[in-house]
Amino acid sequence: MLAAKRRINQLNPDIVVHTVATTLNPDNVLSLLAEYDIIVDATDNFDAKYLISDACIEYEKPMVYASISQFEGQVSVFNYYNRDTQQRGPCFRDLFETPPPPHLTKNCSEAGVLGVIPGLLGCFQANEVLKLILRAGEPLSGHLLSIDCLDNSFHLLNINKKTRDRPPAKTLSATTTFAWRDSDWLSPDILHDWIATQAPFQLVDVRDVSEHQQGSLGGRLIPLKDIIKRQEELDTTRRIVFYCKSGVRSKAALLAVRSVSQEAELYSLEGGIERYLAIYPDELYPVVS
């Protein structure tokens, strides 16, 4: 974030850049977006996208959206008010009404992305922002531009407005997609202590089989993609700790299980197996096949 600010100021020292070092959440989103006229969604997770969209509806601000995955990308302008027709365009929920289950989605760090895709989609977003500021051309309101860099194809899809002119914000104060709490993280030190003292808990590796076979921290292997259909293997009478490579998939596993089992005491290993082994390098166990 600070590097981006420095680079922008190098390109144009007259631009004023404010950085906010905090995580977007239902409690701060309205205050963070209040003073800006155009909101650019450059996030890589559904939680933030729905929260930004609902906040833009609350404030009647346009949302310049982009989403990327592997070799593909999408861009659109949501909640745009057309002064000529005096009509507001579709919002993000008109395209995707509700978030998909966490265990069915991957962010950029999990799915991977071709290096040029973020820059390409970012340029399209910048172009839409300039069109909004200059009131020039036709913004991508009511349309989704889909780009596939493997075959260099561009497709412009129509988005129908399904909601009322000003649909109610759904996620600003209470939301199931933001069921995550900071207390859900379990530090490597606490996990190490639980293992050493044989505390009553279940350890679950949500990585893929090939990763697990290279070594693990122990526990049961249930890949993230199987976490719901194999939920009967989870002992919800005990504390459950999910872990993966970096903490991303274990967080998704926790949210997926929480969506079907509110009573379970669930944790995600903070920083994943990478951070744990950086502190306790001798505790990677080989897997015997």
C-alpha atoms as a PDB file:
ATOM      1  CA  MET A   1       0.000   0.000   0.000  1.00  0.00           C
ATOM      2  CA  LEU A   2       2.751   2.464   0.935  1.00  0.00           C
ATOM      3  CA  ALA A   3       4.750   1.403  -2.116  1.00  0.00           C
ATOM      4  CA  ALA A   4       1.740   2.161  -4.315  1.00  0.00           C
ATOM      5  CA  LYS A   5       1.401   5.587  -2.722  1.00  0.00           C
ATOM      6  CA  ARG A   6       5.078   6.373  -3.322  1.00  0.00           C
ATOM      7  CA  ARG A   7       4.842   5.271  -6.941  1.00  0.00           C
ATOM      8  CA  ILE A   8       1.733   7.369  -7.583  1.00  0.00           C
ATOM      9  CA  ASN A   9       3.382  10.437  -6.063  1.00  0.00           C
ATOM     10  CA  GLN A  10       6.467   9.836  -8.210  1.00  0.00           C
ATOM     11  CA  LEU A  11       4.281   9.868 -11.309  1.00  0.00           C
ATOM     12  CA  ASN A  12       2.305  12.921 -10.196  1.00  0.00           C
ATOM     13  CA  PRO A  13       3.408  14.789  -7.046  1.00  0.00           C
ATOM     14  CA  ASP A  14       0.239  16.921  -7.145  1.00  0.00           C
ATOM     15  CA  ILE A  15      -1.986  13.934  -6.320  1.00  0.00           C
ATOM     16  CA  VAL A  16      -2.986  13.608  -2.667  1.00  0.00           C
ATOM     17  CA  VAL A  17      -3.005   9.945  -1.609  1.00  0.00           C
ATOM     18  CA  HIS A  18      -4.455   8.840   1.726  1.00  0.00           C
ATOM     19  CA  THR A  19      -3.673   5.343   2.976  1.00  0.00           C
ATOM     20  CA  VAL A  20      -5.769   3.508   5.550  1.00  0.00           C
ATOM     21  CA  ALA A  21      -4.038   0.619   7.298  1.00  0.00           C
ATOM     22  CA  THR A  22      -7.078  -1.291   8.480  1.00  0.00           C
ATOM     23  CA  THR A  23      -9.255  -4.187   7.390  1.00  0.00           C
ATOM     24  CA  LEU A  24     -12.570  -3.297   5.780  1.00  0.00           C
ATOM     25  CA  ASN A  25     -15.487  -4.473   7.898  1.00  0.00           C
ATOM     26  CA  PRO A  26     -19.177  -3.677   8.514  1.00  0.00           C
ATOM     27  CA  ASP A  27     -18.299  -1.267  11.316  1.00  0.00           C
ATOM     28  CA  ASN A  28     -15.957   0.997   9.351  1.00  0.00           C
ATOM     29  CA  VAL A  29     -17.044   0.742   5.710  1.00  0.00           C
ATOM     30  CA  LEU A  30     -19.479   3.675   5.806  1.00  0.00           C
ATOM     31  CA  SER A  31     -17.003   6.037   7.425  1.00  0.00           C
ATOM     32  CA  LEU A  32     -14.196   4.976   5.069  1.00  0.00           C
ATOM     33  CA  LEU A  33     -16.214   5.504   1.884  1.00  0.00           C
ATOM     34  CA  ALA A  34     -18.219   8.563   2.946  1.00  0.00           C
ATOM     35  CA  GLU A  35     -16.001  11.325   1.524  1.00  0.00           C
ATOM     36  CA  TYR A  36     -15.260   9.802  -1.890  1.00  0.00           C
ATOM     37  CA  ASP A  37     -17.282  10.245  -5.091  1.00  0.00           C
ATOM     38  CA  ILE A  38     -16.184   7.114  -6.967  1.00  0.00           C
ATOM     39  CA  ILE A  39     -15.372   3.789  -5.332  1.00  0.00           C
ATOM     40  CA  VAL A  40     -12.949   1.419  -7.092  1.00  0.00           C
ATOM     41  CA  ASP A  41     -13.192  -2.209  -6.006  1.00  0.00           C
ATOM     42  CA  ALA A  42      -9.704  -3.724  -6.253  1.00  0.00           C
ATOM     43  CA  THR A  43     -10.306  -6.446  -3.662  1.00  0.00           C
ATOM     44  CA  ASP A  44      -9.876 -10.175  -4.222  1.00  0.00           C
ATOM     45  CA  ASN A  45     -12.565 -11.670  -1.992  1.00  0.00           C
ATOM     46  CA  PHE A  46     -16.354 -11.807  -2.061  1.00  0.00           C
ATOM     47  CA  ASP A  47     -16.791 -10.542   1.501  1.00  0.00           C
ATOM     48  CA  ALA A  48     -15.278  -7.175   0.648  1.00  0.00           C
ATOM     49  CA  LYS A  49     -17.022  -6.896  -2.720  1.00  0.00           C
ATOM     50  CA  TYR A  50     -20.498  -7.348  -1.244  1.00  0.00           C
ATOM     51  CA  LEU A  51     -19.729  -4.972   1.597  1.00  0.00           C
ATOM     52  CA  ILE A  52     -18.432  -2.299  -0.792  1.00  0.00           C
ATOM     53  CA  SER A  53     -21.435  -2.782  -3.067  1.00  0.00           C
ATOM     54  CA  ASP A  54     -23.951  -2.416  -0.250  1.00  0.00           C
ATOM     55  CA  ALA A  55     -22.149   0.661   1.059  1.00  0.00           C
ATOM     56  CA  CYS A  56     -22.231   2.211  -2.427  1.00  0.00           C
ATOM     57  CA  ILE A  57     -25.980   1.593  -2.536  1.00  0.00           C
ATOM     58  CA  GLU A  58     -26.341   3.234   0.861  1.00  0.00           C
ATOM     59  CA  TYR A  59     -24.436   6.321  -0.341  1.00  0.00           C
ATOM     60  CA  GLU A  60     -25.663   6.198  -3.970  1.00  0.00           C
ATOM     61  CA  LYS A  61     -22.082   6.103  -5.256  1.00  0.00           C
ATOM     62  CA  PRO A  62     -20.796   4.309  -8.372  1.00  0.00           C
ATOM     63  CA  MET A  63     -18.665   1.208  -7.847  1.00  0.00           C
ATOM     64  CA  VAL A  64     -16.029   0.449 -10.491  1.00  0.00           C
ATOM     65  CA  TYR A  65     -15.683  -3.309 -10.190  1.00  0.00           C
ATOM     66  CA  ALA A  66     -13.097  -5.808 -11.380  1.00  0.00           C
ATOM     67  CA  SER A  67     -12.522  -9.468 -10.663  1.00  0.00           C
ATOM     68  CA  ILE A  68      -9.665 -11.673 -11.846  1.00  0.00           C
ATOM     69  CA  SER A  69      -8.815 -15.368 -11.769  1.00  0.00           C
ATOM     70  CA  GLN A  70      -6.015 -17.222 -13.513  1.00  0.00           C
ATOM     71  CA  PHE A  71      -6.221 -16.084 -17.177  1.00  0.00           C
ATOM     72  CA  GLU A  72      -9.540 -14.228 -17.034  1.00  0.00           C
ATOM     73  CA  GLY A  73     -10.999 -10.993 -15.771  1.00  0.00           C
ATOM     74  CA  GLN A  74     -14.243  -9.039 -15.554  1.00  0.00           C
ATOM     75  CA  VAL A  75     -14.986  -5.345 -15.213  1.00  0.00           C
ATOM     76  CA  SER A  76     -18.174  -3.320 -14.792  1.00  0.00           C
ATOM     77  CA  VAL A  77     -19.613  -0.157 -13.245  1.00  0.00           C
ATOM     78  CA  PHE A  78     -22.334  -0.752 -10.676  1.00  0.00           C
ATOM     79  CA  ASN A  79     -24.858   1.609  -9.111  1.00  0.00           C
ATOM     80  CA  TYR A  80     -24.202   4.288 -11.738  1.00  0.00           C
ATOM     81  CA  TYR A  81     -26.699   7.151 -11.947  1.00  0.00           C
ATOM     82  CA  ASN A  82     -27.442   8.212 -15.522  1.00  0.00           C
ATOM     83  CA  ARG A  83     -28.285  11.927 -15.494  1.00  0.00           C
ATOM     84  CA  ASP A  84     -29.891  11.749 -18.927  1.00  0.00           C
ATOM     85  CA  THR A  85     -32.360   8.987 -18.091  1.00  0.00           C
ATOM     86  CA  GLN A  86     -32.427   9.779 -14.353  1.00  0.00           C
ATOM     87  CA  GLN A  87     -32.125   6.057 -13.707  1.00  0.00           C
ATOM     88  CA  ARG A  88     -29.664   4.163 -11.541  1.00  0.00           C
ATOM     89  CA  GLY A  89     -28.017   1.126 -13.110  1.00  0.00           C
ATOM     90  CA  PRO A  90     -27.691  -2.408 -11.733  1.00  0.00           C
ATOM     91  CA  CYS A  91     -25.731  -3.128  -8.583  1.00  0.00           C
ATOM     92  CA  PHE A  92     -23.377  -6.022  -7.821  1.00  0.00           C
ATOM     93  CA  ARG A  93     -26.211  -8.045  -6.280  1.00  0.00           C
ATOM     94  CA  ASP A  94     -28.118  -7.853  -9.555  1.00  0.00           C
ATOM     95  CA  LEU A  95     -25.290  -9.891 -11.059  1.00  0.00           C
ATOM     96  CA  PHE A  96     -24.533 -12.126  -8.058  1.00  0.00           C
ATOM     97  CA  GLU A  97     -27.318 -11.842  -5.500  1.00  0.00           C
ATOM     98  CA  THR A  98     -25.580 -13.717  -2.682  1.00  0.00           C
ATOM     99  CA  PRO A  99     -21.989 -14.799  -2.020  1.00  0.00           C
ATOM    100  CA  PRO A 100     -21.017 -18.356  -2.923  1.00  0.00           C
ATOM    101  CA  PRO A 101     -20.106 -20.739  -0.073  1.00  0.00           C
ATOM    102  CA  PRO A 102     -16.528 -20.054   1.107  1.00  0.00           C
ATOM    103  CA  HIS A 103     -15.349 -23.589   0.330  1.00  0.00           C
ATOM    104  CA  LEU A 104     -16.301 -23.175  -3.345  1.00  0.00           C
ATOM    105  CA  THR A 105     -14.269 -20.024  -3.973  1.00  0.00           C
ATOM    106  CA  LYS A 106     -10.592 -19.171  -4.217  1.00  0.00           C
ATOM    107  CA  ASN A 107      -8.868 -15.820  -4.095  1.00  0.00           C
ATOM    108  CA  CYS A 108      -5.903 -14.830  -6.249  1.00  0.00           C
ATOM    109  CA  SER A 109      -3.291 -16.301  -3.906  1.00  0.00           C
ATOM    110  CA  GLU A 110      -5.006 -19.694  -4.041  1.00  0.00           C
ATOM    111  CA  ALA A 111      -6.138 -19.957  -7.669  1.00  0.00           C
ATOM    112  CA  GLY A 112      -3.202 -18.053  -9.111  1.00  0.00           C
ATOM    113  CA  VAL A 113      -3.356 -15.342 -11.737  1.00  0.00           C
ATOM    114  CA  LEU A 114      -1.346 -14.500 -14.859  1.00  0.00           C
ATOM    115  CA  GLY A 115       0.835 -11.529 -13.986  1.00  0.00           C
ATOM    116  CA  VAL A 116      -0.484  -9.224 -16.705  1.00  0.00           C
ATOM    117  CA  ILE A 117      -4.158  -9.698 -15.763  1.00  0.00           C
ATOM    118  CA  PRO A 118      -4.248  -7.308 -12.750  1.00  0.00           C
ATOM    119  CA  GLY A 119      -2.571  -4.569 -14.785  1.00  0.00           C
ATOM    120  CA  LEU A 120      -4.895  -5.090 -17.731  1.00  0.00           C
ATOM    121  CA  LEU A 121      -8.064  -5.003 -15.624  1.00  0.00           C
ATOM    122  CA  GLY A 122      -6.701  -2.096 -13.612  1.00  0.00           C
ATOM    123  CA  CYS A 123      -6.318  -0.091 -16.824  1.00  0.00           C
ATOM    124  CA  PHE A 124      -9.914  -0.839 -17.755  1.00  0.00           C
ATOM    125  CA  GLN A 125     -11.018   0.311 -14.290  1.00  0.00           C
ATOM    126  CA  ALA A 126      -8.969   3.502 -14.603  1.00  0.00           C
ATOM    127  CA  ASN A 127     -10.598   4.133 -17.973  1.00  0.00           C
ATOM    128  CA  GLU A 128     -14.069   3.782 -16.443  1.00  0.00           C
ATOM    129  CA  VAL A 129     -13.138   6.167 -13.624  1.00  0.00           C
ATOM    130  CA  LEU A 130     -11.950   8.773 -16.129  1.00  0.00           C
ATOM    131  CA  LYS A 131     -15.165   8.405 -18.122  1.00  0.00           C
ATOM    132  CA  LEU A 132     -17.191   8.989 -14.951  1.00  0.00           C
ATOM    133  CA  ILE A 133     -15.155  12.058 -13.991  1.00  0.00           C
ATOM    134  CA  LEU A 134     -15.202  13.545 -17.484  1.00  0.00           C
ATOM    135  CA  ARG A 135     -18.770  12.424 -18.207  1.00  0.00           C
ATOM    136  CA  ALA A 136     -17.487  11.108 -21.508  1.00  0.00           C
ATOM    137  CA  GLY A 137     -18.538   8.040 -23.456  1.00  0.00           C
ATOM    138  CA  GLU A 138     -20.684   5.234 -22.108  1.00  0.00           C
ATOM    139  CA  PRO A 139     -19.709   3.712 -18.746  1.00  0.00           C
ATOM    140  CA  LEU A 140     -19.929  -0.066 -18.372  1.00  0.00           C
ATOM    141  CA  SER A 141     -23.185   0.293 -16.472  1.00  0.00           C
ATOM    142  CA  GLY A 142     -25.574  -2.564 -17.153  1.00  0.00           C
ATOM    143  CA  HIS A 143     -22.798  -4.494 -18.865  1.00  0.00           C
ATOM    144  CA  LEU A 144     -20.077  -6.908 -17.768  1.00  0.00           C
ATOM    145  CA  LEU A 145     -16.925  -6.946 -19.875  1.00  0.00           C
ATOM    146  CA  SER A 146     -15.379 -10.415 -19.726  1.00  0.00           C
ATOM    147  CA  ILE A 147     -11.805 -10.915 -20.922  1.00  0.00           C
ATOM    148  CA  ASP A 148     -10.057 -14.231 -21.608  1.00  0.00           C
ATOM    149  CA  CYS A 149      -6.339 -13.761 -22.235  1.00  0.00           C
ATOM    150  CA  LEU A 150      -5.798 -17.350 -23.365  1.00  0.00           C
ATOM    151  CA  ASP A 151      -7.708 -16.794 -26.598  1.00  0.00           C
ATOM    152  CA  ASN A 152      -7.722 -12.951 -26.533  1.00  0.00           C
ATOM    153  CA  SER A 153     -11.518 -12.877 -26.509  1.00  0.00           C
ATOM    154  CA  PHE A 154     -13.691 -10.048 -25.204  1.00  0.00           C
ATOM    155  CA  HIS A 155     -17.369 -10.540 -24.419  1.00  0.00           C
ATOM    156  CA  LEU A 156     -19.830  -7.831 -23.370  1.00  0.00           C
ATOM    157  CA  LEU A 157     -22.683  -9.291 -21.334  1.00  0.00           C
ATOM    158  CA  ASN A 158     -25.870  -7.487 -20.344  1.00  0.00           C
ATOM    159  CA  ILE A 159     -26.832  -7.181 -16.665  1.00  0.00           C
ATOM    160  CA  ASN A 160     -30.508  -6.779 -15.870  1.00  0.00           C
ATOM    161  CA  LYS A 161     -31.562  -4.696 -12.909  1.00  0.00           C
ATOM    162  CA  LYS A 162     -33.536  -6.949 -10.578  1.00  0.00           C
ATOM    163  CA  THR A 163     -33.823  -4.765  -7.514  1.00  0.00           C
ATOM    164  CA  ARG A 164     -35.784  -1.625  -6.773  1.00  0.00           C
ATOM    165  CA  ASP A 165     -34.317   1.762  -7.601  1.00  0.00           C
ATOM    166  CA  ARG A 166     -32.570   1.878  -4.248  1.00  0.00           C
ATOM    167  CA  PRO A 167     -32.282  -1.630  -2.794  1.00  0.00           C
ATOM    168  CA  PRO A 168     -31.620  -1.870   0.929  1.00  0.00           C
ATOM    169  CA  ALA A 169     -28.079  -2.460   2.081  1.00  0.00           C
ATOM    170  CA  LYS A 170     -27.905  -6.029   3.319  1.00  0.00           C
ATOM    171  CA  THR A 171     -24.515  -6.386   4.957  1.00  0.00           C
ATOM    172  CA  LEU A 172     -23.654  -3.150   6.717  1.00  0.00           C
ATOM    173  CA  SER A 173     -24.574  -4.115  10.266  1.00  0.00           C
ATOM    174  CA  ALA A 174     -25.041  -7.879  10.179  1.00  0.00           C
ATOM    175  CA  THR A 175     -23.883 -10.345   7.588  1.00  0.00           C
ATOM    176  CA  THR A 176     -23.243 -14.041   7.270  1.00  0.00           C
ATOM    177  CA  THR A 177     -20.409 -13.431   4.809  1.00  0.00           C
ATOM    178  CA  PHE A 178     -18.525 -11.505   7.496  1.00  0.00           C
ATOM    179  CA  ALA A 179     -18.807 -14.288  10.047  1.00  0.00           C
ATOM    180  CA  TRP A 180     -15.054 -14.076  10.563  1.00  0.00           C
ATOM    181  CA  ARG A 181     -13.681 -12.784  13.864  1.00  0.00           C
ATOM    182  CA  ASP A 182     -10.083 -11.966  14.703  1.00  0.00           C
ATOM    183  CA  SER A 183     -10.361 -14.369  17.628  1.00  0.00           C
ATOM    184  CA  ASP A 184     -10.780 -17.195  15.095  1.00  0.00           C
ATOM    185  CA  TRP A 185      -7.046 -17.060  14.420  1.00  0.00           C
ATOM    186  CA  LEU A 186      -4.962 -19.437  16.523  1.00  0.00           C
ATOM    187  CA  SER A 187      -1.323 -18.469  16.922  1.00  0.00           C
ATOM    188  CA  PRO A 188       1.451 -21.009  16.245  1.00  0.00           C
ATOM    189  CA  ASP A 189       2.541 -20.717  19.881  1.00  0.00           C
ATOM    190  CA  ILE A 190      -0.879 -21.694  21.206  1.00  0.00           C
ATOM    191  CA  LEU A 191      -1.146 -24.614  18.787  1.00  0.00           C
ATOM    192  CA  HIS A 192       2.326 -25.761  19.802  1.00  0.00           C
ATOM    193  CA  ASP A 193       1.269 -25.634  23.448  1.00  0.00           C
ATOM    194  CA  TRP A 194      -1.929 -27.578  22.736  1.00  0.00           C
ATOM    195  CA  ILE A 195       0.048 -30.268  20.921  1.00  0.00           C
ATOM    196  CA  ALA A 196       2.692 -30.465  23.656  1.00  0.00           C
ATOM    197  CA  THR A 197       0.134 -30.744  26.454  1.00  0.00           C
ATOM    198  CA  GLN A 198      -2.141 -33.089  24.467  1.00  0.00           C
ATOM    199  CA  ALA A 199      -5.052 -30.705  24.870  1.00  0.00           C
ATOM    200  CA  PRO A 200      -8.436 -31.995  23.654  1.00  0.00           C
ATOM    201  CA  PHE A 201      -8.788 -30.678  20.113  1.00  0.00           C
ATOM    202  CA  GLN A 202      -8.982 -31.941  16.537  1.00  0.00           C
ATOM    203  CA  LEU A 203      -6.361 -30.848  14.013  1.00  0.00           C
ATOM    204  CA  VAL A 204      -7.482 -30.773  10.360  1.00  0.00           C
ATOM    205  CA  ASP A 205      -5.238 -30.263   7.320  1.00  0.00           C
ATOM    206  CA  VAL A 206      -7.293 -28.682   4.504  1.00  0.00           C
ATOM    207  CA  ARG A 207      -4.523 -28.714   1.903  1.00  0.00           C
ATOM    208  CA  ASP A 208      -4.540 -30.954  -1.149  1.00  0.00           C
ATOM    209  CA  VAL A 209      -3.379 -34.569  -0.910  1.00  0.00           C
ATOM    210  CA  SER A 210      -0.117 -33.834  -2.756  1.00  0.00           C
ATOM    211  CA  GLU A 211       0.774 -31.076  -0.284  1.00  0.00           C
ATOM    212  CA  HIS A 212      -0.098 -33.256   2.689  1.00  0.00           C
ATOM    213  CA  GLN A 213       2.140 -36.051   1.418  1.00  0.00           C
ATOM    214  CA  GLN A 214       5.143 -33.721   1.472  1.00  0.00           C
ATOM    215  CA  GLY A 215       4.747 -33.352   5.229  1.00  0.00           C
ATOM    216  CA  SER A 216       2.205 -32.175   7.770  1.00  0.00           C
ATOM    217  CA  LEU A 217       1.636 -31.063  11.337  1.00  0.00           C
ATOM    218  CA  GLY A 218      -0.434 -34.175  11.911  1.00  0.00           C
ATOM    219  CA  GLY A 219      -4.179 -34.457  12.236  1.00  0.00           C
ATOM    220  CA  ARG A 220      -6.830 -35.515   9.744  1.00  0.00           C
ATOM    221  CA  LEU A 221      -6.589 -34.625   6.057  1.00  0.00           C
ATOM    222  CA  ILE A 222      -9.807 -33.136   4.643  1.00  0.00           C
ATOM    223  CA  PRO A 223      -9.086 -30.976   1.565  1.00  0.00           C
ATOM    224  CA  LEU A 224     -10.993 -27.704   1.476  1.00  0.00           C
ATOM    225  CA  LYS A 225     -13.078 -28.793  -1.518  1.00  0.00           C
ATOM    226  CA  ASP A 226     -14.393 -31.745   0.520  1.00  0.00           C
ATOM    227  CA  ILE A 227     -14.898 -30.006   3.862  1.00  0.00           C
ATOM    228  CA  ILE A 228     -18.699 -29.850   3.721  1.00  0.00           C
ATOM    229  CA  LYS A 229     -19.423 -33.280   2.277  1.00  0.00           C
ATOM    230  CA  ARG A 230     -17.052 -34.820   4.849  1.00  0.00           C
ATOM    231  CA  GLN A 231     -18.216 -32.734   7.788  1.00  0.00           C
ATOM    232  CA  GLU A 232     -19.274 -35.876   9.677  1.00  0.00           C
ATOM    233  CA  GLU A 233     -15.544 -36.527  10.200  1.00  0.00           C
ATOM    234  CA  LEU A 234     -15.274 -33.350  12.277  1.00  0.00           C
ATOM    235  CA  ASP A 235     -15.574 -33.781  16.033  1.00  0.00           C
ATOM    236  CA  THR A 236     -17.649 -30.743  16.952  1.00  0.00           C
ATOM    237  CA  THR A 237     -17.630 -31.772  20.626  1.00  0.00           C
ATOM    238  CA  ARG A 238     -13.991 -30.627  20.746  1.00  0.00           C
ATOM    239  CA  ARG A 239     -12.135 -27.562  19.541  1.00  0.00           C
ATOM    240  CA  ILE A 240     -11.220 -27.858  15.861  1.00  0.00           C
ATOM    241  CA  VAL A 241      -8.121 -26.246  14.355  1.00  0.00           C
ATOM    242  CA  PHE A 242      -7.844 -25.991  10.563  1.00  0.00           C
ATOM    243  CA  TYR A 243      -4.513 -25.399   8.875  1.00  0.00           C
ATOM    244  CA  CYS A 244      -3.180 -24.979   5.329  1.00  0.00           C
ATOM    245  CA  LYS A 245      -0.105 -23.468   3.698  1.00  0.00           C
ATOM    246  CA  SER A 246      -0.635 -19.815   4.616  1.00  0.00           C
ATOM    247  CA  GLY A 247      -3.975 -19.536   6.446  1.00  0.00           C
ATOM    248  CA  VAL A 248      -6.171 -18.619   3.473  1.00  0.00           C
ATOM    249  CA  ARG A 249      -7.784 -22.002   2.869  1.00  0.00           C
ATOM    250  CA  SER A 250      -8.083 -22.767   6.572  1.00  0.00           C
ATOM    251  CA  LYS A 251     -10.023 -19.528   7.025  1.00  0.00           C
ATOM    252  CA  ALA A 252     -12.347 -20.549   4.176  1.00  0.00           C
ATOM    253  CA  ALA A 253     -12.792 -23.975   5.766  1.00  0.00           C
ATOM    254  CA  LEU A 254     -13.696 -22.404   9.100  1.00  0.00           C
ATOM    255  CA  LEU A 255     -16.313 -20.152   7.519  1.00  0.00           C
ATOM    256  CA  ALA A 256     -17.769 -23.043   5.527  1.00  0.00           C
ATOM    257  CA  VAL A 257     -18.116 -25.259   8.597  1.00  0.00           C
ATOM    258  CA  ARG A 258     -19.470 -22.393  10.686  1.00  0.00           C
ATOM    259  CA  SER A 259     -22.212 -21.851   8.103  1.00  0.00           C
ATOM    260  CA  VAL A 260     -23.574 -25.333   8.858  1.00  0.00           C
ATOM    261  CA  SER A 261     -22.498 -25.733  12.494  1.00  0.00           C
ATOM    262  CA  GLN A 262     -22.824 -22.633  14.647  1.00  0.00           C
ATOM    263  CA  GLU A 263     -22.084 -24.483  17.891  1.00  0.00           C
ATOM    264  CA  ALA A 264     -18.601 -25.760  17.034  1.00  0.00           C
ATOM    265  CA  GLU A 265     -15.533 -24.014  18.491  1.00  0.00           C
ATOM    266  CA  LEU A 266     -13.404 -23.430  15.396  1.00  0.00           C
ATOM    267  CA  TYR A 267      -9.946 -21.980  14.820  1.00  0.00           C
ATOM    268  CA  SER A 268      -7.674 -21.311  11.845  1.00  0.00           C
ATOM    269  CA  LEU A 269      -3.895 -21.515  12.237  1.00  0.00           C
ATOM    270  CA  GLU A 270      -2.596 -17.989  11.707  1.00  0.00           C
ATOM    271  CA  GLY A 271      -0.019 -17.874   8.928  1.00  0.00           C
ATOM    272  CA  GLY A 272      -0.535 -21.543   8.186  1.00  0.00           C
ATOM    273  CA  ILE A 273       2.074 -24.260   8.204  1.00  0.00           C
ATOM    274  CA  GLU A 274       4.632 -21.815   6.778  1.00  0.00           C
ATOM    275  CA  ARG A 275       4.583 -19.560   9.832  1.00  0.00           C
ATOM    276  CA  TYR A 276       4.392 -22.494  12.236  1.00  0.00           C
ATOM    277  CA  LEU A 277       7.500 -24.151  10.769  1.00  0.00           C
ATOM    278  CA  ALA A 278       9.340 -20.825  10.732  1.00  0.00           C
ATOM    279  CA  ILE A 279       9.019 -20.885  14.529  1.00  0.00           C
ATOM    280  CA  TYR A 280       9.149 -24.647  15.100  1.00  0.00           C
ATOM    281  CA  PRO A 281      11.167 -26.014  12.142  1.00  0.00           C
ATOM    282  CA  ASP A 282      11.564 -29.518  13.561  1.00  0.00           C
ATOM    283  CA  GLU A 283       7.864 -30.306  13.766  1.00  0.00           C
ATOM    284  CA  LEU A 284       7.081 -31.238  10.155  1.00  0.00           C
ATOM    285  CA  TYR A 285       6.006 -34.855  10.207  1.00  0.00           C
ATOM    286  CA  PRO A 286       6.533 -37.133   7.191  1.00  0.00           C
ATOM    287  CA  VAL A 287       3.443 -38.859   5.852  1.00  0.00           C
ATOM    288  CA  VAL A 288       3.650 -42.638   5.685  1.00  0.00           C
ATOM    289  CA  SER A 289       1.647 -43.965   2.728  1.00  0.00           C
END
